[in-house]
Every structure is written in C-alpha cells, then in structure tokens.
Amino acid sequence: MEKKYPPRQQEQQQQKKPSGFSSAIPAVIEEVIGKTDTRGAITQVRCKVLDGPEKNKILRRNVKGPIREKDIIMLRETEIEARSLVQAKRGKKR
C-alpha cells in the first residue's frame, strides 16, 4: 500500500506563478508617421487601443522592426506617449 503525501510547498508556488509573460494590451496601427533614429530603424506610428481601461484611446508610439497600417501590436502600457517627430529642414533659419 502506497502512502500519499501532500505536494511540496515549492510545487504549489510554481503552480500559482503566471506563465512568464506580462499582460499586454492590443492596439491597431492607424497611421505611420515617419522614421526616427539615426539609421531609420525606429518607426513612429499612431495606434488605437483595442482593449483594457484605455479602450479607443489613440497613442503615438515608437515601434522597432517592419510595420504597416492595420497591423496589431501589443503594448505593455498605455500611459506614456512618444514625443512628436520633428523633422527640421537643413539650412532653414528660424
């Protein structure tokens, strides 16, 4: 006859932990504003939040990698907005 022991505390704690991913909020790209960074690797976009407490809010964000309109990106937070992209023209005096 086998004895049944209760599970260890470590095993119980591991079962309660999330899968390692933080919660993210989906947003759809509505407009590609322009390229930033010295090499043009970062793209500034306007996106509309699809879910969560900030639903339907339009944000300006910087995105790395290939992106186009109507793509869906996952945002870790929706409070901070990227600075506006200012493209100064060379040789123009202010």
N, C-alpha and C. Protein backbone atom coordinates (compact mmCIF):
# COMPACT_ATOMS: atom_id res chain seq x y z
N MET A 1 0.84 -1.18 0.00
CA MET A 1 0.00 0.00 0.00
C MET A 1 0.89 1.25 0.00
N GLU A 2 0.66 2.14 -0.96
CA GLU A 2 1.46 3.36 -1.07
C GLU A 2 0.86 4.48 -0.24
N LYS A 3 1.74 5.26 0.37
CA LYS A 3 1.28 6.42 1.12
C LYS A 3 1.21 7.63 0.20
N LYS A 4 0.17 8.43 0.34
CA LYS A 4 0.02 9.65 -0.46
C LYS A 4 0.41 10.85 0.39
N TYR A 5 1.44 11.54 -0.07
CA TYR A 5 1.91 12.72 0.64
C TYR A 5 1.38 13.98 -0.05
N PRO A 6 1.13 15.05 0.72
CA PRO A 6 0.69 16.30 0.11
C PRO A 6 1.82 16.91 -0.74
N PRO A 7 1.50 17.67 -1.77
CA PRO A 7 2.54 18.26 -2.62
C PRO A 7 3.42 19.22 -1.83
N ARG A 8 4.65 19.37 -2.26
CA ARG A 8 5.59 20.25 -1.60
C ARG A 8 5.18 21.71 -1.79
N GLN A 9 5.66 22.56 -0.91
CA GLN A 9 5.33 23.99 -0.99
C GLN A 9 5.88 24.61 -2.28
N GLN A 10 7.06 24.18 -2.70
CA GLN A 10 7.65 24.73 -3.91
C GLN A 10 6.78 24.42 -5.13
N GLU A 11 6.27 23.22 -5.20
CA GLU A 11 5.42 22.85 -6.32
C GLU A 11 4.12 23.65 -6.32
N GLN A 12 3.59 23.93 -5.14
CA GLN A 12 2.38 24.74 -5.06
C GLN A 12 2.64 26.16 -5.53
N GLN A 13 3.80 26.73 -5.16
CA GLN A 13 4.13 28.09 -5.56
C GLN A 13 4.33 28.18 -7.06
N GLN A 14 4.94 27.15 -7.66
CA GLN A 14 5.15 27.16 -9.10
C GLN A 14 3.83 27.10 -9.86
N GLN A 15 2.85 26.43 -9.32
CA GLN A 15 1.56 26.35 -9.99
C GLN A 15 0.85 27.69 -9.99
N LYS A 16 1.08 28.54 -8.98
CA LYS A 16 0.41 29.82 -8.87
C LYS A 16 1.05 30.90 -9.73
N LYS A 17 2.31 30.72 -10.15
CA LYS A 17 3.02 31.73 -10.93
C LYS A 17 2.43 31.81 -12.33
N PRO A 18 2.42 33.03 -12.91
CA PRO A 18 1.98 33.15 -14.30
C PRO A 18 3.00 32.53 -15.24
N SER A 19 2.65 32.44 -16.49
CA SER A 19 3.50 31.74 -17.46
C SER A 19 4.77 32.50 -17.83
N GLY A 20 5.03 33.67 -17.26
CA GLY A 20 6.25 34.41 -17.55
C GLY A 20 6.01 35.62 -18.43
N PHE A 21 4.85 35.72 -19.02
CA PHE A 21 4.55 36.86 -19.87
C PHE A 21 3.73 37.87 -19.08
N SER A 22 4.07 39.13 -19.23
CA SER A 22 3.28 40.16 -18.58
C SER A 22 2.04 40.43 -19.42
N SER A 23 1.05 41.00 -18.82
CA SER A 23 -0.18 41.27 -19.57
C SER A 23 0.09 42.39 -20.58
N ALA A 24 -0.44 42.24 -21.76
CA ALA A 24 -0.26 43.21 -22.83
C ALA A 24 -1.62 43.58 -23.40
N ILE A 25 -1.69 44.79 -23.95
CA ILE A 25 -2.95 45.31 -24.48
C ILE A 25 -2.81 45.48 -25.99
N PRO A 26 -3.74 44.94 -26.77
CA PRO A 26 -3.62 45.06 -28.23
C PRO A 26 -3.98 46.45 -28.73
N ALA A 27 -3.29 46.87 -29.79
CA ALA A 27 -3.57 48.15 -30.43
C ALA A 27 -3.37 47.98 -31.93
N VAL A 28 -4.17 48.67 -32.71
CA VAL A 28 -4.08 48.57 -34.17
C VAL A 28 -3.41 49.84 -34.70
N ILE A 29 -2.52 49.68 -35.68
CA ILE A 29 -1.81 50.80 -36.28
C ILE A 29 -2.77 51.51 -37.23
N GLU A 30 -2.97 52.81 -36.99
CA GLU A 30 -3.85 53.60 -37.86
C GLU A 30 -3.08 54.44 -38.86
N GLU A 31 -1.87 54.89 -38.48
CA GLU A 31 -1.10 55.76 -39.36
C GLU A 31 0.38 55.59 -39.07
N VAL A 32 1.18 55.53 -40.12
CA VAL A 32 2.63 55.52 -39.98
C VAL A 32 3.08 56.96 -40.15
N ILE A 33 3.67 57.55 -39.10
CA ILE A 33 4.05 58.96 -39.11
C ILE A 33 5.39 59.16 -39.81
N GLY A 34 6.39 58.38 -39.45
CA GLY A 34 7.70 58.53 -40.08
C GLY A 34 8.76 57.72 -39.38
N LYS A 35 9.97 57.80 -39.93
CA LYS A 35 11.11 57.08 -39.37
C LYS A 35 11.86 57.97 -38.39
N THR A 36 12.38 57.36 -37.33
CA THR A 36 13.21 58.06 -36.37
C THR A 36 14.53 57.32 -36.25
N ASP A 37 15.38 57.71 -35.34
CA ASP A 37 16.67 57.09 -35.13
C ASP A 37 17.63 57.53 -36.24
N THR A 38 18.91 57.45 -35.98
CA THR A 38 19.90 57.90 -36.97
C THR A 38 19.91 57.02 -38.21
N ARG A 39 19.55 55.76 -38.07
CA ARG A 39 19.55 54.84 -39.21
C ARG A 39 18.15 54.57 -39.74
N GLY A 40 17.15 55.13 -39.13
CA GLY A 40 15.78 54.89 -39.58
C GLY A 40 15.23 53.55 -39.14
N ALA A 41 15.77 52.98 -38.07
CA ALA A 41 15.34 51.66 -37.62
C ALA A 41 14.05 51.71 -36.83
N ILE A 42 13.71 52.87 -36.28
CA ILE A 42 12.51 53.03 -35.46
C ILE A 42 11.46 53.77 -36.27
N THR A 43 10.23 53.29 -36.22
CA THR A 43 9.12 53.93 -36.94
C THR A 43 8.14 54.48 -35.92
N GLN A 44 7.75 55.74 -36.11
CA GLN A 44 6.75 56.32 -35.23
C GLN A 44 5.37 56.12 -35.86
N VAL A 45 4.43 55.62 -35.04
CA VAL A 45 3.09 55.29 -35.54
C VAL A 45 2.03 55.86 -34.60
N ARG A 46 0.84 56.00 -35.13
CA ARG A 46 -0.33 56.33 -34.34
C ARG A 46 -1.17 55.07 -34.25
N CYS A 47 -1.51 54.66 -33.02
CA CYS A 47 -2.25 53.42 -32.85
C CYS A 47 -3.45 53.64 -31.94
N LYS A 48 -4.46 52.81 -32.13
CA LYS A 48 -5.69 52.88 -31.35
C LYS A 48 -5.78 51.65 -30.46
N VAL A 49 -5.94 51.88 -29.17
CA VAL A 49 -6.00 50.80 -28.18
C VAL A 49 -7.32 50.06 -28.35
N LEU A 50 -7.26 48.72 -28.39
CA LEU A 50 -8.46 47.91 -28.65
C LEU A 50 -9.10 47.34 -27.39
N ASP A 51 -8.38 47.31 -26.28
CA ASP A 51 -8.90 46.63 -25.10
C ASP A 51 -8.37 47.30 -23.84
N GLY A 52 -8.97 46.98 -22.71
CA GLY A 52 -8.49 47.49 -21.43
C GLY A 52 -9.16 48.79 -21.02
N PRO A 53 -8.67 49.39 -19.94
CA PRO A 53 -9.30 50.62 -19.42
C PRO A 53 -9.13 51.82 -20.34
N GLU A 54 -8.12 51.81 -21.21
CA GLU A 54 -7.87 52.92 -22.13
C GLU A 54 -8.42 52.62 -23.53
N LYS A 55 -9.47 51.82 -23.62
CA LYS A 55 -10.03 51.41 -24.91
C LYS A 55 -10.38 52.62 -25.76
N ASN A 56 -10.08 52.55 -27.06
CA ASN A 56 -10.34 53.58 -28.08
C ASN A 56 -9.44 54.81 -27.94
N LYS A 57 -8.47 54.79 -27.06
CA LYS A 57 -7.52 55.90 -26.94
C LYS A 57 -6.51 55.80 -28.07
N ILE A 58 -6.16 56.95 -28.67
CA ILE A 58 -5.20 56.98 -29.75
C ILE A 58 -3.87 57.48 -29.20
N LEU A 59 -2.81 56.68 -29.42
CA LEU A 59 -1.49 56.98 -28.90
C LEU A 59 -0.48 57.09 -30.03
N ARG A 60 0.60 57.83 -29.77
CA ARG A 60 1.74 57.88 -30.68
C ARG A 60 2.84 57.04 -30.03
N ARG A 61 3.35 56.05 -30.75
CA ARG A 61 4.35 55.15 -30.19
C ARG A 61 5.50 54.95 -31.18
N ASN A 62 6.65 54.56 -30.65
CA ASN A 62 7.80 54.20 -31.47
C ASN A 62 7.86 52.68 -31.55
N VAL A 63 8.00 52.15 -32.77
CA VAL A 63 7.99 50.71 -32.99
C VAL A 63 9.27 50.33 -33.72
N LYS A 64 9.89 49.24 -33.28
CA LYS A 64 11.09 48.74 -33.93
C LYS A 64 10.72 47.58 -34.83
N GLY A 65 11.25 47.56 -36.02
CA GLY A 65 11.01 46.46 -36.93
C GLY A 65 10.01 46.84 -38.01
N PRO A 66 9.74 45.90 -38.91
CA PRO A 66 8.82 46.18 -40.01
C PRO A 66 7.38 46.34 -39.49
N ILE A 67 6.70 47.36 -39.96
CA ILE A 67 5.34 47.65 -39.51
C ILE A 67 4.58 48.34 -40.63
N ARG A 68 3.28 48.15 -40.69
CA ARG A 68 2.45 48.86 -41.67
C ARG A 68 1.07 49.08 -41.06
N GLU A 69 0.25 49.84 -41.75
CA GLU A 69 -1.10 50.15 -41.25
C GLU A 69 -1.92 48.88 -41.11
N LYS A 70 -2.80 48.89 -40.12
CA LYS A 70 -3.71 47.80 -39.78
C LYS A 70 -3.02 46.59 -39.15
N ASP A 71 -1.73 46.70 -38.84
CA ASP A 71 -1.06 45.66 -38.05
C ASP A 71 -1.50 45.81 -36.60
N ILE A 72 -1.46 44.73 -35.86
CA ILE A 72 -1.80 44.79 -34.44
C ILE A 72 -0.52 44.62 -33.63
N ILE A 73 -0.29 45.54 -32.71
CA ILE A 73 0.86 45.47 -31.82
C ILE A 73 0.36 45.27 -30.40
N MET A 74 1.20 44.72 -29.57
CA MET A 74 0.85 44.50 -28.16
C MET A 74 1.62 45.50 -27.31
N LEU A 75 0.90 46.30 -26.54
CA LEU A 75 1.50 47.34 -25.71
C LEU A 75 1.56 46.85 -24.26
N ARG A 76 2.69 47.05 -23.61
CA ARG A 76 2.80 46.69 -22.21
C ARG A 76 2.12 47.72 -21.33
N GLU A 77 2.13 48.97 -21.78
CA GLU A 77 1.45 50.03 -21.02
C GLU A 77 0.87 51.04 -22.00
N THR A 78 -0.16 51.77 -21.56
CA THR A 78 -0.84 52.72 -22.43
C THR A 78 -0.82 54.13 -21.87
N GLU A 79 -0.02 54.37 -20.85
CA GLU A 79 0.00 55.68 -20.21
C GLU A 79 0.97 56.65 -20.89
N ILE A 80 2.12 56.15 -21.33
CA ILE A 80 3.17 57.01 -21.86
C ILE A 80 3.06 57.09 -23.38
N GLU A 81 3.18 58.31 -23.91
CA GLU A 81 3.11 58.54 -25.34
C GLU A 81 4.47 59.04 -25.82
N ALA A 82 4.87 58.67 -27.02
CA ALA A 82 6.15 59.09 -27.58
C ALA A 82 6.11 60.57 -27.93
N ARG A 83 7.28 61.21 -27.91
CA ARG A 83 7.37 62.62 -28.32
C ARG A 83 7.06 62.73 -29.81
N SER A 84 6.55 63.88 -30.19
CA SER A 84 6.22 64.07 -31.60
C SER A 84 7.49 64.12 -32.43
N LEU A 85 7.41 63.62 -33.61
CA LEU A 85 8.54 63.55 -34.52
C LEU A 85 8.67 64.89 -35.23
N VAL A 86 9.78 65.59 -34.98
CA VAL A 86 10.01 66.89 -35.59
C VAL A 86 11.15 66.73 -36.58
N GLN A 87 10.86 66.96 -37.84
CA GLN A 87 11.87 66.86 -38.87
C GLN A 87 12.27 68.27 -39.28
N ALA A 88 13.39 68.75 -38.74
CA ALA A 88 13.87 70.09 -39.08
C ALA A 88 14.52 70.05 -40.45
N LYS A 89 14.26 71.09 -41.23
CA LYS A 89 14.87 71.18 -42.56
C LYS A 89 16.23 71.85 -42.43
N ARG A 90 17.19 71.31 -43.10
CA ARG A 90 18.56 71.83 -43.02
C ARG A 90 18.67 73.14 -43.77
N GLY A 91 19.44 74.06 -43.17
CA GLY A 91 19.72 75.33 -43.83
C GLY A 91 18.63 76.37 -43.65
N LYS A 92 17.57 76.03 -42.97
CA LYS A 92 16.48 76.98 -42.77
C LYS A 92 16.69 77.73 -41.47
N LYS A 93 16.69 79.07 -41.53
CA LYS A 93 16.89 79.88 -40.34
C LYS A 93 15.57 80.12 -39.65
N ARG A 94 15.63 80.16 -38.32
CA ARG A 94 14.41 80.41 -37.56
C ARG A 94 14.38 81.81 -37.04
